[in-house]
Amino acid sequence: MKGAGIIIYFIKNKIPYILTGIEGKYISDYNKSIKKLEWTNVKHYEDHFISIARRYSDLVHYDQIVTRLGGYSVNFLKVMNESKEGIVKGGMDKIDNDNYINTINREMKEEIGINLNELNALHLIDDLGIVDGYKIFSLCVNRNQISQIEYSIFEMDLKHKGELFHTSFKSLHHINYKRINSKTKKGLQLLKLFLNL
């Protein structure tokens, strides 16, 4: 499957700080009777979602209704205790028109609430290469962009939106390599080569 990811980072005292978050899992991964529904039907099924979610309360520490960009589908998203940590990334959708930048912008909006256009950063990204079918980009952000990103994440947390949780910048030395997903791990290796680390 084609997709794209972006490593958003800044450098302090010669150490990269990487934006990562805990990935959500859908209840439909655990209960196959739940399918993605059209947005117009969500309110009708919301109580049903919540009642099913309670059955999985021992597995979760966060839950919410997730609205997909464009409102074309929704699902009930949970963060499971065994979830992986990773960068902003995702598979390419039809609405991306086979364009990796469109994928990145959509995934950023869904996961951290702000995209390259809003950060005025489209011209600042670097192409690091391909990892398991995913095009990996990097973006070194300045103080103003860091503030924009952190405020956007804060707002999404307040509104219970987004597909990444506990999202923050972490020192490259303090990332838990046992927990991060394989695409993130390989992407960080590309970043190290790019930065000559």
C-alpha atoms as a PDB file:
ATOM      1  CA  MET A   1       0.000   0.000   0.000  1.00  0.00           C
ATOM      2  CA  LYS A   2       1.277   3.455  -0.914  1.00  0.00           C
ATOM      3  CA  GLY A   3       1.441   6.098   1.748  1.00  0.00           C
ATOM      4  CA  ALA A   4       3.483   8.907   3.204  1.00  0.00           C
ATOM      5  CA  GLY A   5       4.918  10.036   6.508  1.00  0.00           C
ATOM      6  CA  ILE A   6       6.608  13.137   7.804  1.00  0.00           C
ATOM      7  CA  ILE A   7       9.229  13.492  10.518  1.00  0.00           C
ATOM      8  CA  ILE A   8       8.630  16.867  12.129  1.00  0.00           C
ATOM      9  CA  TYR A   9      11.583  17.918  14.258  1.00  0.00           C
ATOM     10  CA  PHE A  10      13.732  20.696  15.646  1.00  0.00           C
ATOM     11  CA  ILE A  11      17.332  20.695  16.818  1.00  0.00           C
ATOM     12  CA  LYS A  12      18.458  21.895  20.239  1.00  0.00           C
ATOM     13  CA  ASN A  13      22.049  21.586  21.465  1.00  0.00           C
ATOM     14  CA  LYS A  14      22.775  19.454  18.375  1.00  0.00           C
ATOM     15  CA  ILE A  15      20.090  16.937  19.399  1.00  0.00           C
ATOM     16  CA  PRO A  16      16.990  16.370  17.209  1.00  0.00           C
ATOM     17  CA  TYR A  17      13.604  16.436  18.946  1.00  0.00           C
ATOM     18  CA  ILE A  18      11.031  14.396  17.022  1.00  0.00           C
ATOM     19  CA  LEU A  19       7.248  14.796  17.025  1.00  0.00           C
ATOM     20  CA  THR A  20       5.669  11.422  17.831  1.00  0.00           C
ATOM     21  CA  GLY A  21       2.428  10.174  19.319  1.00  0.00           C
ATOM     22  CA  ILE A  22       0.687   6.985  20.401  1.00  0.00           C
ATOM     23  CA  GLU A  23      -1.356   5.488  17.566  1.00  0.00           C
ATOM     24  CA  GLY A  24      -5.053   4.878  18.014  1.00  0.00           C
ATOM     25  CA  LYS A  25      -6.776   1.587  17.351  1.00  0.00           C
ATOM     26  CA  TYR A  26     -10.311   1.222  16.070  1.00  0.00           C
ATOM     27  CA  ILE A  27     -12.855  -0.790  17.999  1.00  0.00           C
ATOM     28  CA  SER A  28     -13.757  -2.421  14.681  1.00  0.00           C
ATOM     29  CA  ASP A  29     -10.307  -4.066  14.849  1.00  0.00           C
ATOM     30  CA  TYR A  30     -11.586  -5.898  17.923  1.00  0.00           C
ATOM     31  CA  ASN A  31     -15.294  -6.158  17.146  1.00  0.00           C
ATOM     32  CA  LYS A  32     -15.963  -6.931  13.494  1.00  0.00           C
ATOM     33  CA  SER A  33     -19.668  -6.115  13.833  1.00  0.00           C
ATOM     34  CA  ILE A  34     -18.771  -2.422  13.832  1.00  0.00           C
ATOM     35  CA  LYS A  35     -18.152  -0.984  10.387  1.00  0.00           C
ATOM     36  CA  LYS A  36     -17.263   2.529   9.319  1.00  0.00           C
ATOM     37  CA  LEU A  37     -20.440   4.510   8.896  1.00  0.00           C
ATOM     38  CA  GLU A  38     -21.347   7.479   6.783  1.00  0.00           C
ATOM     39  CA  TRP A  39     -21.125  10.711   8.768  1.00  0.00           C
ATOM     40  CA  THR A  40     -24.880  11.343   8.390  1.00  0.00           C
ATOM     41  CA  ASN A  41     -25.598   8.196  10.431  1.00  0.00           C
ATOM     42  CA  VAL A  42     -23.192   8.826  13.283  1.00  0.00           C
ATOM     43  CA  LYS A  43     -25.557  10.409  15.778  1.00  0.00           C
ATOM     44  CA  HIS A  44     -27.974   7.520  15.360  1.00  0.00           C
ATOM     45  CA  TYR A  45     -25.266   4.983  16.220  1.00  0.00           C
ATOM     46  CA  GLU A  46     -23.310   6.977  18.790  1.00  0.00           C
ATOM     47  CA  ASP A  47     -24.968   5.341  21.822  1.00  0.00           C
ATOM     48  CA  HIS A  48     -24.324   1.934  20.260  1.00  0.00           C
ATOM     49  CA  PHE A  49     -20.635   2.818  19.847  1.00  0.00           C
ATOM     50  CA  ILE A  50     -20.365   3.955  23.443  1.00  0.00           C
ATOM     51  CA  SER A  51     -22.036   0.841  24.856  1.00  0.00           C
ATOM     52  CA  ILE A  52     -19.644  -1.394  22.911  1.00  0.00           C
ATOM     53  CA  ALA A  53     -16.674   0.741  23.963  1.00  0.00           C
ATOM     54  CA  ARG A  54     -17.480   0.055  27.612  1.00  0.00           C
ATOM     55  CA  ARG A  55     -16.952  -3.651  26.992  1.00  0.00           C
ATOM     56  CA  TYR A  56     -13.322  -2.839  26.167  1.00  0.00           C
ATOM     57  CA  SER A  57     -12.738  -0.507  29.111  1.00  0.00           C
ATOM     58  CA  ASP A  58     -10.030  -2.759  30.550  1.00  0.00           C
ATOM     59  CA  LEU A  59      -7.989  -2.362  27.356  1.00  0.00           C
ATOM     60  CA  VAL A  60      -8.133   1.368  26.913  1.00  0.00           C
ATOM     61  CA  HIS A  61      -7.219   4.648  28.493  1.00  0.00           C
ATOM     62  CA  TYR A  62      -8.759   7.001  25.922  1.00  0.00           C
ATOM     63  CA  ASP A  63     -11.793   6.965  23.667  1.00  0.00           C
ATOM     64  CA  GLN A  64     -13.537   9.300  21.281  1.00  0.00           C
ATOM     65  CA  ILE A  65     -15.538   9.676  18.122  1.00  0.00           C
ATOM     66  CA  VAL A  66     -13.194  10.475  15.251  1.00  0.00           C
ATOM     67  CA  THR A  67     -14.268  12.646  12.351  1.00  0.00           C
ATOM     68  CA  ARG A  68     -12.332  11.952   9.200  1.00  0.00           C
ATOM     69  CA  LEU A  69     -11.212  14.900   7.084  1.00  0.00           C
ATOM     70  CA  GLY A  70     -14.045  15.767   4.742  1.00  0.00           C
ATOM     71  CA  GLY A  71     -16.542  13.950   6.957  1.00  0.00           C
ATOM     72  CA  TYR A  72     -16.761  10.924   4.681  1.00  0.00           C
ATOM     73  CA  SER A  73     -16.569   8.284   7.404  1.00  0.00           C
ATOM     74  CA  VAL A  74     -16.168   7.842  11.116  1.00  0.00           C
ATOM     75  CA  ASN A  75     -15.301   5.185  13.609  1.00  0.00           C
ATOM     76  CA  PHE A  76     -14.803   4.849  17.331  1.00  0.00           C
ATOM     77  CA  LEU A  77     -11.122   5.231  18.119  1.00  0.00           C
ATOM     78  CA  LYS A  78      -9.398   3.876  21.201  1.00  0.00           C
ATOM     79  CA  VAL A  79      -5.821   3.968  22.366  1.00  0.00           C
ATOM     80  CA  MET A  80      -4.956   0.460  23.385  1.00  0.00           C
ATOM     81  CA  ASN A  81      -2.247  -0.164  25.946  1.00  0.00           C
ATOM     82  CA  GLU A  82      -0.227  -2.113  23.390  1.00  0.00           C
ATOM     83  CA  SER A  83      -0.434   0.610  20.718  1.00  0.00           C
ATOM     84  CA  LYS A  84       2.701   1.614  18.863  1.00  0.00           C
ATOM     85  CA  GLU A  85       4.235   5.077  18.831  1.00  0.00           C
ATOM     86  CA  GLY A  86       5.022   6.844  15.598  1.00  0.00           C
ATOM     87  CA  ILE A  87       5.364   9.891  13.399  1.00  0.00           C
ATOM     88  CA  VAL A  88       2.531  11.444  11.393  1.00  0.00           C
ATOM     89  CA  LYS A  89       1.882   8.995   8.555  1.00  0.00           C
ATOM     90  CA  GLY A  90      -0.823   7.102   6.726  1.00  0.00           C
ATOM     91  CA  GLY A  91      -1.930   5.315   3.612  1.00  0.00           C
ATOM     92  CA  MET A  92      -2.855   7.175   0.462  1.00  0.00           C
ATOM     93  CA  ASP A  93      -6.584   7.725  -0.053  1.00  0.00           C
ATOM     94  CA  LYS A  94      -8.489   8.321  -3.276  1.00  0.00           C
ATOM     95  CA  ILE A  95      -9.010  11.957  -2.323  1.00  0.00           C
ATOM     96  CA  ASP A  96      -5.214  12.419  -2.339  1.00  0.00           C
ATOM     97  CA  ASN A  97      -5.194  12.061  -6.157  1.00  0.00           C
ATOM     98  CA  ASP A  98      -2.049   9.925  -6.080  1.00  0.00           C
ATOM     99  CA  ASN A  99      -0.094  12.830  -4.585  1.00  0.00           C
ATOM    100  CA  TYR A 100       2.176  12.265  -1.567  1.00  0.00           C
ATOM    101  CA  ILE A 101       1.969  15.895  -0.424  1.00  0.00           C
ATOM    102  CA  ASN A 102      -1.815  15.670  -0.395  1.00  0.00           C
ATOM    103  CA  THR A 103      -1.484  12.549   1.762  1.00  0.00           C
ATOM    104  CA  ILE A 104       0.853  14.336   4.174  1.00  0.00           C
ATOM    105  CA  ASN A 105      -1.405  17.380   4.437  1.00  0.00           C
ATOM    106  CA  ARG A 106      -4.465  15.203   5.086  1.00  0.00           C
ATOM    107  CA  GLU A 107      -2.697  13.023   7.660  1.00  0.00           C
ATOM    108  CA  MET A 108      -1.263  16.054   9.459  1.00  0.00           C
ATOM    109  CA  LYS A 109      -4.722  17.590   9.649  1.00  0.00           C
ATOM    110  CA  GLU A 110      -6.231  14.354  10.980  1.00  0.00           C
ATOM    111  CA  GLU A 111      -3.469  13.594  13.468  1.00  0.00           C
ATOM    112  CA  ILE A 112      -2.160  16.954  14.730  1.00  0.00           C
ATOM    113  CA  GLY A 113      -4.769  19.408  13.434  1.00  0.00           C
ATOM    114  CA  ILE A 114      -2.499  21.537  11.258  1.00  0.00           C
ATOM    115  CA  ASN A 115      -0.899  20.957   7.854  1.00  0.00           C
ATOM    116  CA  LEU A 116       2.040  22.164   5.780  1.00  0.00           C
ATOM    117  CA  ASN A 117       0.065  24.963   4.156  1.00  0.00           C
ATOM    118  CA  GLU A 118      -1.057  26.366   7.507  1.00  0.00           C
ATOM    119  CA  LEU A 119       2.526  26.197   8.786  1.00  0.00           C
ATOM    120  CA  ASN A 120       3.747  27.914   5.598  1.00  0.00           C
ATOM    121  CA  ALA A 121       6.207  25.041   5.347  1.00  0.00           C
ATOM    122  CA  LEU A 122       5.528  23.340   2.022  1.00  0.00           C
ATOM    123  CA  HIS A 123       8.786  24.693   0.585  1.00  0.00           C
ATOM    124  CA  LEU A 124      10.779  23.539   3.636  1.00  0.00           C
ATOM    125  CA  ILE A 125      10.246  19.774   3.494  1.00  0.00           C
ATOM    126  CA  ASP A 126      12.939  17.291   2.481  1.00  0.00           C
ATOM    127  CA  ASP A 127      12.369  13.956   0.746  1.00  0.00           C
ATOM    128  CA  LEU A 128      14.202  11.282   2.748  1.00  0.00           C
ATOM    129  CA  GLY A 129      13.237   8.287   0.618  1.00  0.00           C
ATOM    130  CA  ILE A 130      10.887   5.301   0.599  1.00  0.00           C
ATOM    131  CA  VAL A 131      10.227   3.037   3.595  1.00  0.00           C
ATOM    132  CA  ASP A 132       8.014  -0.040   3.109  1.00  0.00           C
ATOM    133  CA  GLY A 133       6.077   1.682   0.311  1.00  0.00           C
ATOM    134  CA  TYR A 134       5.746   4.955   2.234  1.00  0.00           C
ATOM    135  CA  LYS A 135       7.404   8.160   1.025  1.00  0.00           C
ATOM    136  CA  ILE A 136       9.079   9.717   4.066  1.00  0.00           C
ATOM    137  CA  PHE A 137       9.562  13.481   4.318  1.00  0.00           C
ATOM    138  CA  SER A 138      11.154  15.598   7.025  1.00  0.00           C
ATOM    139  CA  LEU A 139      10.426  19.107   8.234  1.00  0.00           C
ATOM    140  CA  CYS A 140      12.714  21.087  10.538  1.00  0.00           C
ATOM    141  CA  VAL A 141      10.443  23.566  12.322  1.00  0.00           C
ATOM    142  CA  ASN A 142      11.240  26.929  13.865  1.00  0.00           C
ATOM    143  CA  ARG A 143      10.013  28.304  17.213  1.00  0.00           C
ATOM    144  CA  ASN A 144       6.892  29.852  15.724  1.00  0.00           C
ATOM    145  CA  GLN A 145       5.944  26.621  13.924  1.00  0.00           C
ATOM    146  CA  ILE A 146       6.600  24.609  17.103  1.00  0.00           C
ATOM    147  CA  SER A 147       4.179  26.884  18.969  1.00  0.00           C
ATOM    148  CA  GLN A 148       1.581  26.508  16.211  1.00  0.00           C
ATOM    149  CA  ILE A 149       1.870  22.724  16.281  1.00  0.00           C
ATOM    150  CA  GLU A 150       1.740  22.458  20.079  1.00  0.00           C
ATOM    151  CA  TYR A 151      -1.277  24.763  20.282  1.00  0.00           C
ATOM    152  CA  SER A 152      -3.062  22.775  17.569  1.00  0.00           C
ATOM    153  CA  ILE A 153      -2.407  19.517  19.434  1.00  0.00           C
ATOM    154  CA  PHE A 154      -3.667  21.133  22.654  1.00  0.00           C
ATOM    155  CA  GLU A 155      -6.875  22.231  20.915  1.00  0.00           C
ATOM    156  CA  MET A 156      -7.424  18.765  19.441  1.00  0.00           C
ATOM    157  CA  ASP A 157      -6.994  17.184  22.869  1.00  0.00           C
ATOM    158  CA  LEU A 158      -9.586  19.561  24.317  1.00  0.00           C
ATOM    159  CA  LYS A 159     -12.048  18.701  21.555  1.00  0.00           C
ATOM    160  CA  HIS A 160     -11.242  14.954  21.689  1.00  0.00           C
ATOM    161  CA  LYS A 161     -10.132  14.920  18.077  1.00  0.00           C
ATOM    162  CA  GLY A 162      -7.156  13.387  16.341  1.00  0.00           C
ATOM    163  CA  GLU A 163      -5.702   9.967  15.717  1.00  0.00           C
ATOM    164  CA  LEU A 164      -2.467  10.347  17.698  1.00  0.00           C
ATOM    165  CA  PHE A 165      -2.387  10.702  21.473  1.00  0.00           C
ATOM    166  CA  HIS A 166       0.173  11.997  23.969  1.00  0.00           C
ATOM    167  CA  THR A 167       1.762  13.706  20.992  1.00  0.00           C
ATOM    168  CA  SER A 168       4.880  15.749  21.745  1.00  0.00           C
ATOM    169  CA  PHE A 169       8.442  16.446  20.699  1.00  0.00           C
ATOM    170  CA  LYS A 170      10.845  13.907  22.174  1.00  0.00           C
ATOM    171  CA  SER A 171      14.621  13.827  22.151  1.00  0.00           C
ATOM    172  CA  LEU A 172      16.005  11.331  19.667  1.00  0.00           C
ATOM    173  CA  HIS A 173      17.872   9.801  22.619  1.00  0.00           C
ATOM    174  CA  HIS A 174      14.688   9.325  24.662  1.00  0.00           C
ATOM    175  CA  ILE A 175      12.472   7.682  22.053  1.00  0.00           C
ATOM    176  CA  ASN A 176      11.439   4.183  23.076  1.00  0.00           C
ATOM    177  CA  TYR A 177      12.666   2.136  20.109  1.00  0.00           C
ATOM    178  CA  LYS A 178      10.882  -0.945  21.440  1.00  0.00           C
ATOM    179  CA  ARG A 179       7.533   0.825  21.139  1.00  0.00           C
ATOM    180  CA  ILE A 180       7.840   2.779  17.876  1.00  0.00           C
ATOM    181  CA  ASN A 181       6.432   1.239  14.711  1.00  0.00           C
ATOM    182  CA  SER A 182       8.736  -0.111  12.005  1.00  0.00           C
ATOM    183  CA  LYS A 183       8.119   2.698   9.502  1.00  0.00           C
ATOM    184  CA  THR A 184       9.007   5.289  12.127  1.00  0.00           C
ATOM    185  CA  LYS A 185      12.126   3.362  13.122  1.00  0.00           C
ATOM    186  CA  LYS A 186      13.306   3.124   9.522  1.00  0.00           C
ATOM    187  CA  GLY A 187      12.339   6.742   8.874  1.00  0.00           C
ATOM    188  CA  LEU A 188      14.460   7.895  11.811  1.00  0.00           C
ATOM    189  CA  GLN A 189      17.397   5.977  10.373  1.00  0.00           C
ATOM    190  CA  LEU A 190      16.956   7.963   7.143  1.00  0.00           C
ATOM    191  CA  LEU A 191      16.812  11.190   9.144  1.00  0.00           C
ATOM    192  CA  LYS A 192      20.058  10.321  10.937  1.00  0.00           C
ATOM    193  CA  LEU A 193      21.746   9.797   7.573  1.00  0.00           C
ATOM    194  CA  PHE A 194      20.285  13.070   6.276  1.00  0.00           C
ATOM    195  CA  LEU A 195      21.575  14.960   9.340  1.00  0.00           C
ATOM    196  CA  ASN A 196      24.911  13.106   9.345  1.00  0.00           C
ATOM    197  CA  LEU A 197      24.330  11.828  12.877  1.00  0.00           C
END
